[in-house]
């Protein structure tokens, strides 16, 4: 049995076959769908799993409680990778009561036609299971309007551990390879995947994340049980700190250079810019071809680093398609406090530089750094010097805060 602590068990599953999370985000190391079971006087399940994994999920539950009934299932988040097994669960446990808030049940009726056996809770409400007491913390827009967290604590002021079932908050990509609690595994691979998960899925909602963290301020939390990734125990404070920093849009001095290229001219310009920035003393520099690297990694690194330089050719009298897509994606993330420079190339009709300028003026509204560089056909001595100046200007801006 996968006991976490004090009759609280991990009953989740791993998905190593899915290529894209939500049909969008690459999963090179898979993903876990985490669910938890509290075996008390009242048996309580916290969240379920994607419906395709229902039978192994059911086996995990029965390994803990055998054929005994489940009294409650808490639904912290209605996304189908966590709520998808609810309808089947009701068939196996017809008397189970589903705990959620009003917005949970509005969605549940639409997704699964479940309208009975519901127990509505509001922010701060609590339910006693026996030795454990559950308290519910509503955290709307982290990252859906119905999201909430559930705190399981010893009842009646008794000593013991407190566990935060946090829904998608504090989660990350990556399947669990045997162990499920952080202190039992090497967590190195999860830190960047947590940032990529946050930046692409939760990143737009920095203000609601800050509001959720304020609700949790001062609350004793010994374990964080998220719906994806490891159970956090040894690294609880580190994980909370990562979410605090990311939701404040704080970033290190560093530079993301991303470019589109058809025949190598804009790529060569990007290399010159990167070299100039490095020679000016900037150490954190990452470069991406927007047509080769999935944009989720670029977005992840823009949450990590303060500087961005983009460049692309003119294409069909507009901006190179993949760069246009990336800038649109960035405009939806509401990332604050970033610096941006840009460059472009063309053969006979100049458009790339003016289009990138329009994106920043109208949507991104990042601090413009340096002079945009416009390259006609191929680099020459003047445009090479302009690229070097752009790289230096960005490095100086980032290093002289």
Protein backbone atom coordinates (compact mmCIF):
# COMPACT_ATOMS: atom_id res chain seq x y z
CA UNK A 1 0.00 0.00 0.00
CA UNK A 2 1.18 3.51 -0.80
CA UNK A 3 0.67 5.17 2.58
CA UNK A 4 1.81 8.78 2.73
CA UNK A 5 1.14 9.29 6.43
CA UNK A 6 -1.49 8.64 9.12
CA UNK A 7 -3.90 6.52 7.03
CA UNK A 8 -3.68 8.75 3.98
CA UNK A 9 -2.81 6.86 0.81
CA UNK A 10 -1.73 7.61 -2.74
CA UNK A 11 -4.10 5.91 -5.22
CA UNK A 12 -3.15 7.74 -8.42
CA UNK A 13 -1.93 6.42 -11.77
CA UNK A 14 0.70 7.20 -14.40
CA UNK A 15 0.17 7.99 -18.07
CA UNK A 16 3.30 7.21 -20.10
CA UNK A 17 1.55 7.02 -23.48
CA UNK A 18 0.07 10.48 -24.00
CA UNK A 19 2.20 12.72 -26.20
CA UNK A 20 0.48 16.06 -25.57
CA UNK A 21 -1.14 17.20 -22.33
CA UNK A 22 -4.47 18.90 -23.10
CA UNK A 23 -3.58 18.27 -26.75
CA UNK A 24 -1.01 21.08 -26.47
CA UNK A 25 1.97 20.51 -24.17
CA UNK A 26 4.64 17.84 -24.85
CA UNK A 27 5.05 15.09 -22.27
CA UNK A 28 8.54 13.66 -22.80
CA UNK A 29 8.40 11.98 -19.38
CA UNK A 30 4.66 11.29 -19.18
CA UNK A 31 2.35 12.63 -16.50
CA UNK A 32 0.72 11.36 -13.32
CA UNK A 33 -2.94 11.72 -12.37
CA UNK A 34 -2.88 11.82 -8.59
CA UNK A 35 -5.71 10.87 -6.28
CA UNK A 36 -5.67 10.22 -2.54
CA UNK A 37 -7.65 8.13 -0.06
CA UNK A 38 -8.20 8.94 3.62
CA UNK A 39 -9.06 5.76 5.55
CA UNK A 40 -10.83 7.05 8.65
CA UNK A 41 -14.19 6.48 10.37
CA UNK A 42 -15.52 8.03 7.19
CA UNK A 43 -13.60 7.00 4.08
CA UNK A 44 -12.85 9.93 1.82
CA UNK A 45 -11.39 9.97 -1.68
CA UNK A 46 -9.76 13.22 -2.82
CA UNK A 47 -10.05 13.67 -6.59
CA UNK A 48 -10.20 10.93 -9.22
CA UNK A 49 -8.26 10.23 -12.42
CA UNK A 50 -8.77 10.35 -16.18
CA UNK A 51 -11.48 7.89 -17.13
CA UNK A 52 -9.20 5.72 -19.32
CA UNK A 53 -7.35 4.72 -16.14
CA UNK A 54 -10.41 3.91 -14.05
CA UNK A 55 -9.76 0.17 -13.56
CA UNK A 56 -6.18 0.52 -12.22
CA UNK A 57 -7.47 3.43 -10.13
CA UNK A 58 -10.20 1.19 -8.70
CA UNK A 59 -7.63 -1.52 -7.95
CA UNK A 60 -5.53 1.01 -6.03
CA UNK A 61 -8.56 2.00 -3.95
CA UNK A 62 -9.50 -1.61 -3.20
CA UNK A 63 -5.93 -2.40 -2.17
CA UNK A 64 -6.48 0.03 0.72
CA UNK A 65 -10.12 -0.51 1.75
CA UNK A 66 -11.09 -3.81 0.14
CA UNK A 67 -14.84 -3.95 -0.48
CA UNK A 68 -15.74 -1.32 2.10
CA UNK A 69 -17.75 1.66 0.83
CA UNK A 70 -16.43 5.18 0.25
CA UNK A 71 -18.39 7.87 2.08
CA UNK A 72 -17.11 10.98 0.28
CA UNK A 73 -15.20 12.06 -2.78
CA UNK A 74 -13.82 15.61 -2.76
CA UNK A 75 -13.61 17.29 -6.17
CA UNK A 76 -10.99 20.02 -5.96
CA UNK A 77 -10.94 20.60 -9.72
CA UNK A 78 -13.37 19.69 -12.48
CA UNK A 79 -10.95 19.24 -15.39
CA UNK A 80 -11.66 15.77 -16.80
CA UNK A 81 -8.17 14.43 -16.08
CA UNK A 82 -9.20 14.68 -12.40
CA UNK A 83 -12.98 14.36 -12.47
CA UNK A 84 -13.35 11.97 -15.41
CA UNK A 85 -13.94 8.89 -13.27
CA UNK A 86 -16.78 10.35 -11.22
CA UNK A 87 -19.65 8.80 -13.17
CA UNK A 88 -18.07 5.33 -13.09
CA UNK A 89 -17.16 5.76 -9.43
CA UNK A 90 -20.82 6.40 -8.63
CA UNK A 91 -21.71 3.09 -10.29
CA UNK A 92 -19.30 1.17 -8.04
CA UNK A 93 -20.10 3.27 -4.94
CA UNK A 94 -23.75 4.33 -5.38
CA UNK A 95 -24.02 5.94 -1.92
CA UNK A 96 -20.91 8.06 -2.22
CA UNK A 97 -21.42 11.77 -1.55
CA UNK A 98 -19.63 14.20 -3.84
CA UNK A 99 -18.14 17.24 -2.10
CA UNK A 100 -17.60 20.44 -4.07
CA UNK A 101 -18.62 24.07 -4.32
CA UNK A 102 -21.48 25.59 -6.30
CA UNK A 103 -19.38 26.16 -9.41
CA UNK A 104 -18.14 22.56 -9.18
CA UNK A 105 -21.67 21.27 -9.36
CA UNK A 106 -22.68 23.59 -12.20
CA UNK A 107 -19.89 22.06 -14.28
CA UNK A 108 -20.53 18.52 -13.05
CA UNK A 109 -24.09 18.59 -14.31
CA UNK A 110 -22.83 19.57 -17.74
CA UNK A 111 -19.94 17.13 -17.93
CA UNK A 112 -21.43 14.02 -16.29
CA UNK A 113 -25.15 14.66 -15.59
CA UNK A 114 -24.49 14.09 -11.88
CA UNK A 115 -27.03 16.14 -9.93
CA UNK A 116 -27.75 14.13 -6.78
CA UNK A 117 -25.78 12.96 -3.78
CA UNK A 118 -23.93 16.27 -3.67
CA UNK A 119 -22.60 18.08 -0.60
CA UNK A 120 -21.88 21.75 -1.25
CA UNK A 121 -19.16 23.53 0.71
CA UNK A 122 -18.16 27.17 0.95
CA UNK A 123 -14.80 28.74 1.73
CA UNK A 124 -13.76 27.83 5.29
CA UNK A 125 -16.33 25.04 5.74
CA UNK A 126 -15.13 21.83 7.37
CA UNK A 127 -16.16 18.18 7.63
CA UNK A 128 -15.05 15.67 10.29
CA UNK A 129 -14.02 12.22 9.11
CA UNK A 130 -12.95 10.86 12.50
CA UNK A 131 -9.32 11.47 13.39
CA UNK A 132 -9.06 13.88 10.47
CA UNK A 133 -10.91 17.08 9.77
CA UNK A 134 -11.19 18.53 6.28
CA UNK A 135 -11.30 22.27 5.70
CA UNK A 136 -12.05 23.71 2.27
CA UNK A 137 -10.28 26.71 0.77
CA UNK A 138 -11.80 28.13 -2.40
CA UNK A 139 -9.12 29.26 -4.86
CA UNK A 140 -11.02 30.47 -7.94
CA UNK A 141 -9.08 30.86 -11.21
CA UNK A 142 -6.14 28.72 -10.10
CA UNK A 143 -6.74 27.97 -12.91
CA UNK A 144 -10.49 27.33 -13.41
CA UNK A 145 -13.30 29.24 -11.65
CA UNK A 146 -14.33 26.30 -9.45
CA UNK A 147 -10.89 25.29 -8.15
CA UNK A 148 -10.44 24.74 -4.45
CA UNK A 149 -8.01 23.10 -2.03
CA UNK A 150 -8.66 20.79 0.88
CA UNK A 151 -6.65 20.82 4.12
CA UNK A 152 -6.67 17.62 6.17
CA UNK A 153 -5.61 18.18 9.78
CA UNK A 154 -5.78 16.25 13.06
CA UNK A 155 -9.17 16.73 14.62
CA UNK A 156 -9.68 18.60 17.87
CA UNK A 157 -6.27 20.20 18.05
CA UNK A 158 -4.47 16.86 18.38
CA UNK A 159 -0.86 16.64 17.29
CA UNK A 160 -0.16 15.29 13.85
CA UNK A 161 0.58 16.25 10.28
CA UNK A 162 -1.43 18.58 8.07
CA UNK A 163 -1.84 17.73 4.41
CA UNK A 164 -2.87 20.17 1.69
CA UNK A 165 -4.67 18.58 -1.25
CA UNK A 166 -3.96 21.37 -3.69
CA UNK A 167 -5.57 20.36 -6.98
CA UNK A 168 -3.52 21.47 -9.99
CA UNK A 169 -1.60 24.03 -7.93
CA UNK A 170 1.99 22.98 -7.15
CA UNK A 171 1.82 20.25 -9.78
CA UNK A 172 4.19 19.46 -12.61
CA UNK A 173 4.63 17.29 -15.68
CA UNK A 174 6.35 13.91 -15.42
CA UNK A 175 5.20 10.42 -14.45
CA UNK A 176 6.23 9.00 -11.07
CA UNK A 177 8.85 6.27 -11.35
CA UNK A 178 8.11 3.99 -8.42
CA UNK A 179 8.28 6.51 -5.58
CA UNK A 180 5.59 9.13 -5.04
CA UNK A 181 6.88 11.28 -2.12
CA UNK A 182 9.71 13.73 -2.91
CA UNK A 183 12.08 12.50 -0.20
CA UNK A 184 12.01 9.03 -1.78
CA UNK A 185 13.20 10.21 -5.23
CA UNK A 186 15.61 12.42 -7.12
CA UNK A 187 13.50 15.49 -7.90
CA UNK A 188 15.96 17.19 -10.27
CA UNK A 189 13.88 16.47 -13.37
CA UNK A 190 10.75 18.00 -11.86
CA UNK A 191 11.85 21.57 -11.18
CA UNK A 192 11.95 22.84 -14.76
CA UNK A 193 8.86 20.79 -15.55
CA UNK A 194 7.06 22.53 -12.68
CA UNK A 195 7.99 25.88 -14.22
CA UNK A 196 6.85 24.74 -17.67
CA UNK A 197 3.61 23.41 -16.21
CA UNK A 198 2.96 26.63 -14.28
CA UNK A 199 3.90 29.02 -17.08
CA UNK A 200 1.79 27.37 -19.77
CA UNK A 201 -1.26 26.30 -17.75
CA UNK A 202 -1.53 28.54 -14.69
CA UNK A 203 0.75 31.40 -15.73
CA UNK A 204 -1.93 33.82 -16.89
CA UNK A 205 -3.49 33.80 -13.42
CA UNK A 206 -0.76 35.34 -11.26
CA UNK A 207 -3.16 37.49 -9.23
CA UNK A 208 -5.49 34.58 -8.28
CA UNK A 209 -2.42 32.50 -7.33
CA UNK A 210 -1.26 35.31 -5.05
CA UNK A 211 -4.73 35.45 -3.47
CA UNK A 212 -4.63 31.69 -2.88
CA UNK A 213 -1.19 31.93 -1.27
CA UNK A 214 -2.47 34.65 1.06
CA UNK A 215 -5.32 32.38 2.16
CA UNK A 216 -2.74 29.71 3.01
CA UNK A 217 -0.33 32.08 4.78
CA UNK A 218 0.28 30.91 8.34
CA UNK A 219 -1.37 27.53 7.75
CA UNK A 220 0.70 24.55 8.87
CA UNK A 221 1.39 22.37 5.82
CA UNK A 222 3.52 19.24 6.21
CA UNK A 223 2.64 17.67 2.85
CA UNK A 224 1.34 19.08 -0.43
CA UNK A 225 -0.60 16.53 -2.42
CA UNK A 226 -1.08 17.96 -5.91
CA UNK A 227 -2.92 16.28 -8.76
CA UNK A 228 0.21 15.97 -10.93
CA UNK A 229 3.78 15.17 -9.97
CA UNK A 230 5.35 14.21 -6.63
CA UNK A 231 3.84 14.51 -3.20
CA UNK A 232 5.83 17.35 -1.65
CA UNK A 233 7.15 16.93 1.87
CA UNK A 234 10.87 17.69 2.07
CA UNK A 235 10.46 20.52 -0.47
CA UNK A 236 7.16 22.07 0.68
CA UNK A 237 8.66 25.51 1.24
CA UNK A 238 10.66 25.42 -1.98
CA UNK A 239 7.53 24.57 -3.97
CA UNK A 240 5.49 27.35 -2.36
CA UNK A 241 8.38 29.72 -3.02
CA UNK A 242 8.48 28.79 -6.71
CA UNK A 243 4.77 29.52 -7.08
CA UNK A 244 5.12 32.78 -5.18
CA UNK A 245 7.98 33.94 -7.42
CA UNK A 246 6.35 32.85 -10.69
CA UNK A 247 2.99 34.41 -9.81
CA UNK A 248 4.76 37.71 -9.07
CA UNK A 249 6.42 37.44 -12.51
CA UNK A 250 9.83 37.78 -10.86
CA UNK A 251 12.70 36.75 -13.14
CA UNK A 252 16.47 36.34 -13.18
CA UNK A 253 18.74 38.48 -15.33
CA UNK A 254 18.80 36.34 -18.43
CA UNK A 255 17.90 36.41 -22.10
CA UNK A 256 15.64 34.29 -24.29
CA UNK A 257 16.49 34.67 -27.98
CA UNK A 258 14.02 33.05 -30.33
CA UNK A 259 13.97 33.31 -34.06
CA UNK A 260 12.34 32.02 -37.21
CA UNK A 261 14.51 31.33 -40.22
CA UNK A 262 14.05 29.93 -43.71
CA UNK A 263 17.53 30.08 -45.23
CA UNK A 264 19.68 30.92 -42.22
CA UNK A 265 19.99 34.70 -42.38
CA UNK A 266 17.93 35.50 -39.28
CA UNK A 267 19.59 32.60 -37.49
CA UNK A 268 23.01 34.10 -38.17
CA UNK A 269 21.76 37.44 -36.85
CA UNK A 270 20.55 35.71 -33.67
CA UNK A 271 23.98 34.15 -33.17
CA UNK A 272 25.66 37.55 -33.46
CA UNK A 273 23.21 39.06 -30.95
CA UNK A 274 23.80 36.19 -28.50
CA UNK A 275 27.58 36.49 -28.79
CA UNK A 276 27.48 40.22 -28.16
CA UNK A 277 25.26 39.76 -25.09
CA UNK A 278 27.61 37.10 -23.73
CA UNK A 279 30.68 39.25 -24.35
CA UNK A 280 28.93 42.04 -22.43
CA UNK A 281 28.83 39.75 -19.38
CA UNK A 282 25.37 38.14 -19.54
CA UNK A 283 25.61 34.45 -18.60
CA UNK A 284 22.02 33.21 -18.75
CA UNK A 285 21.26 33.06 -22.47
CA UNK A 286 19.03 30.48 -24.19
CA UNK A 287 18.29 30.33 -27.92
CA UNK A 288 15.39 28.68 -29.73
CA UNK A 289 14.30 28.16 -33.31
CA UNK A 290 10.54 28.77 -33.08
CA UNK A 291 9.88 26.20 -35.82
CA UNK A 292 11.81 23.45 -34.05
CA UNK A 293 11.30 23.95 -30.31
CA UNK A 294 7.82 23.60 -28.87
CA UNK A 295 6.66 27.00 -27.69
CA UNK A 296 5.93 25.73 -24.18
CA UNK A 297 9.68 25.64 -23.50
CA UNK A 298 10.12 29.20 -24.77
CA UNK A 299 7.24 30.41 -22.59
CA UNK A 300 8.74 28.54 -19.63
CA UNK A 301 12.04 30.35 -20.05
CA UNK A 302 10.40 33.74 -20.41
CA UNK A 303 8.96 33.14 -16.94
CA UNK A 304 12.53 32.41 -15.78
CA UNK A 305 14.38 35.25 -17.51
CA UNK A 306 13.66 38.94 -17.86
CA UNK A 307 14.91 39.60 -21.39
CA UNK A 308 13.48 38.57 -24.75
CA UNK A 309 14.82 39.18 -28.24
CA UNK A 310 12.81 37.89 -31.19
CA UNK A 311 13.57 37.88 -34.88
CA UNK A 312 11.98 36.50 -38.01
CA UNK A 313 11.72 37.01 -41.76
CA UNK A 314 8.89 38.61 -43.63
CA UNK A 315 6.63 35.94 -45.12
CA UNK A 316 3.66 36.42 -47.47
CA UNK A 317 3.87 40.19 -46.82
CA UNK A 318 3.44 39.53 -43.10
CA UNK A 319 5.33 38.02 -40.19
CA UNK A 320 6.78 34.52 -40.35
CA UNK A 321 3.98 32.20 -39.20
CA UNK A 322 5.56 30.50 -36.20
CA UNK A 323 6.78 33.81 -34.77
CA UNK A 324 3.30 35.24 -35.18
CA UNK A 325 1.92 32.26 -33.26
CA UNK A 326 4.49 32.64 -30.48
CA UNK A 327 3.79 36.34 -30.01
CA UNK A 328 0.07 35.60 -29.88
CA UNK A 329 0.69 32.97 -27.20
CA UNK A 330 2.83 35.38 -25.20
CA UNK A 331 0.16 38.06 -25.43
CA UNK A 332 -2.29 35.70 -23.70
CA UNK A 333 0.00 35.04 -20.73
CA UNK A 334 0.03 38.60 -19.31
CA UNK A 335 3.70 38.24 -18.34
CA UNK A 336 4.78 41.45 -16.64
CA UNK A 337 8.07 43.26 -16.22
CA UNK A 338 9.91 41.96 -19.28
CA UNK A 339 12.33 43.70 -21.66
CA UNK A 340 12.21 43.06 -25.40
CA UNK A 341 14.32 43.73 -28.48
CA UNK A 342 13.68 42.57 -32.04
CA UNK A 343 15.03 42.19 -35.53
CA UNK A 344 13.78 40.97 -38.88
CA UNK A 345 14.75 40.22 -42.45
CA UNK A 346 13.18 40.51 -45.88
CA UNK A 347 13.96 39.99 -49.53
CA UNK A 348 11.85 42.62 -51.32
CA UNK A 349 9.02 43.71 -48.99
CA UNK A 350 9.79 44.78 -45.43
CA UNK A 351 7.17 43.71 -42.91
CA UNK A 352 8.67 41.60 -40.09
CA UNK A 353 10.09 44.43 -37.98
CA UNK A 354 6.95 46.57 -38.25
CA UNK A 355 4.75 43.58 -37.33
CA UNK A 356 6.82 42.71 -34.25
CA UNK A 357 6.70 46.39 -33.27
CA UNK A 358 2.92 46.31 -33.59
CA UNK A 359 2.70 43.18 -31.42
CA UNK A 360 4.67 44.86 -28.65
CA UNK A 361 2.91 48.23 -28.89
CA UNK A 362 -0.60 46.78 -28.98
CA UNK A 363 -0.43 43.58 -26.94
CA UNK A 364 2.78 42.66 -25.13
CA UNK A 365 3.75 46.12 -23.89
CA UNK A 366 7.22 45.00 -22.80
CA UNK A 367 9.95 47.56 -22.24
CA UNK A 368 11.64 48.11 -25.62
CA UNK A 369 15.44 47.80 -25.46
CA UNK A 370 17.91 48.80 -28.18
CA UNK A 371 17.16 49.62 -31.79
CA UNK A 372 15.32 47.07 -33.96
CA UNK A 373 17.52 45.65 -36.70
CA UNK A 374 16.17 45.25 -40.25
CA UNK A 375 18.14 43.02 -42.62
CA UNK A 376 17.62 43.18 -46.36
CA UNK A 377 18.44 39.87 -48.05
CA UNK A 378 21.58 39.09 -46.03
CA UNK A 379 23.78 40.49 -43.29
CA UNK A 380 26.34 43.14 -44.15
CA UNK A 381 28.84 45.07 -42.06
CA UNK A 382 26.25 47.65 -40.96
CA UNK A 383 23.54 45.19 -39.92
CA UNK A 384 26.09 42.98 -38.16
CA UNK A 385 27.15 45.99 -36.12
CA UNK A 386 23.50 46.77 -35.37
CA UNK A 387 22.95 43.18 -34.16
CA UNK A 388 25.98 43.48 -31.88
CA UNK A 389 24.61 46.76 -30.51
CA UNK A 390 21.24 45.15 -29.81
CA UNK A 391 22.85 42.27 -27.90
CA UNK A 392 24.99 44.67 -25.84
CA UNK A 393 22.07 46.96 -25.10
CA UNK A 394 20.00 44.08 -23.76
CA UNK A 395 22.86 42.71 -21.64
CA UNK A 396 23.51 46.15 -20.14
CA UNK A 397 19.81 46.61 -19.36
CA UNK A 398 19.55 43.23 -17.65
CA UNK A 399 22.79 43.50 -15.70
CA UNK A 400 22.27 47.06 -14.49
CA UNK A 401 18.99 46.80 -12.63
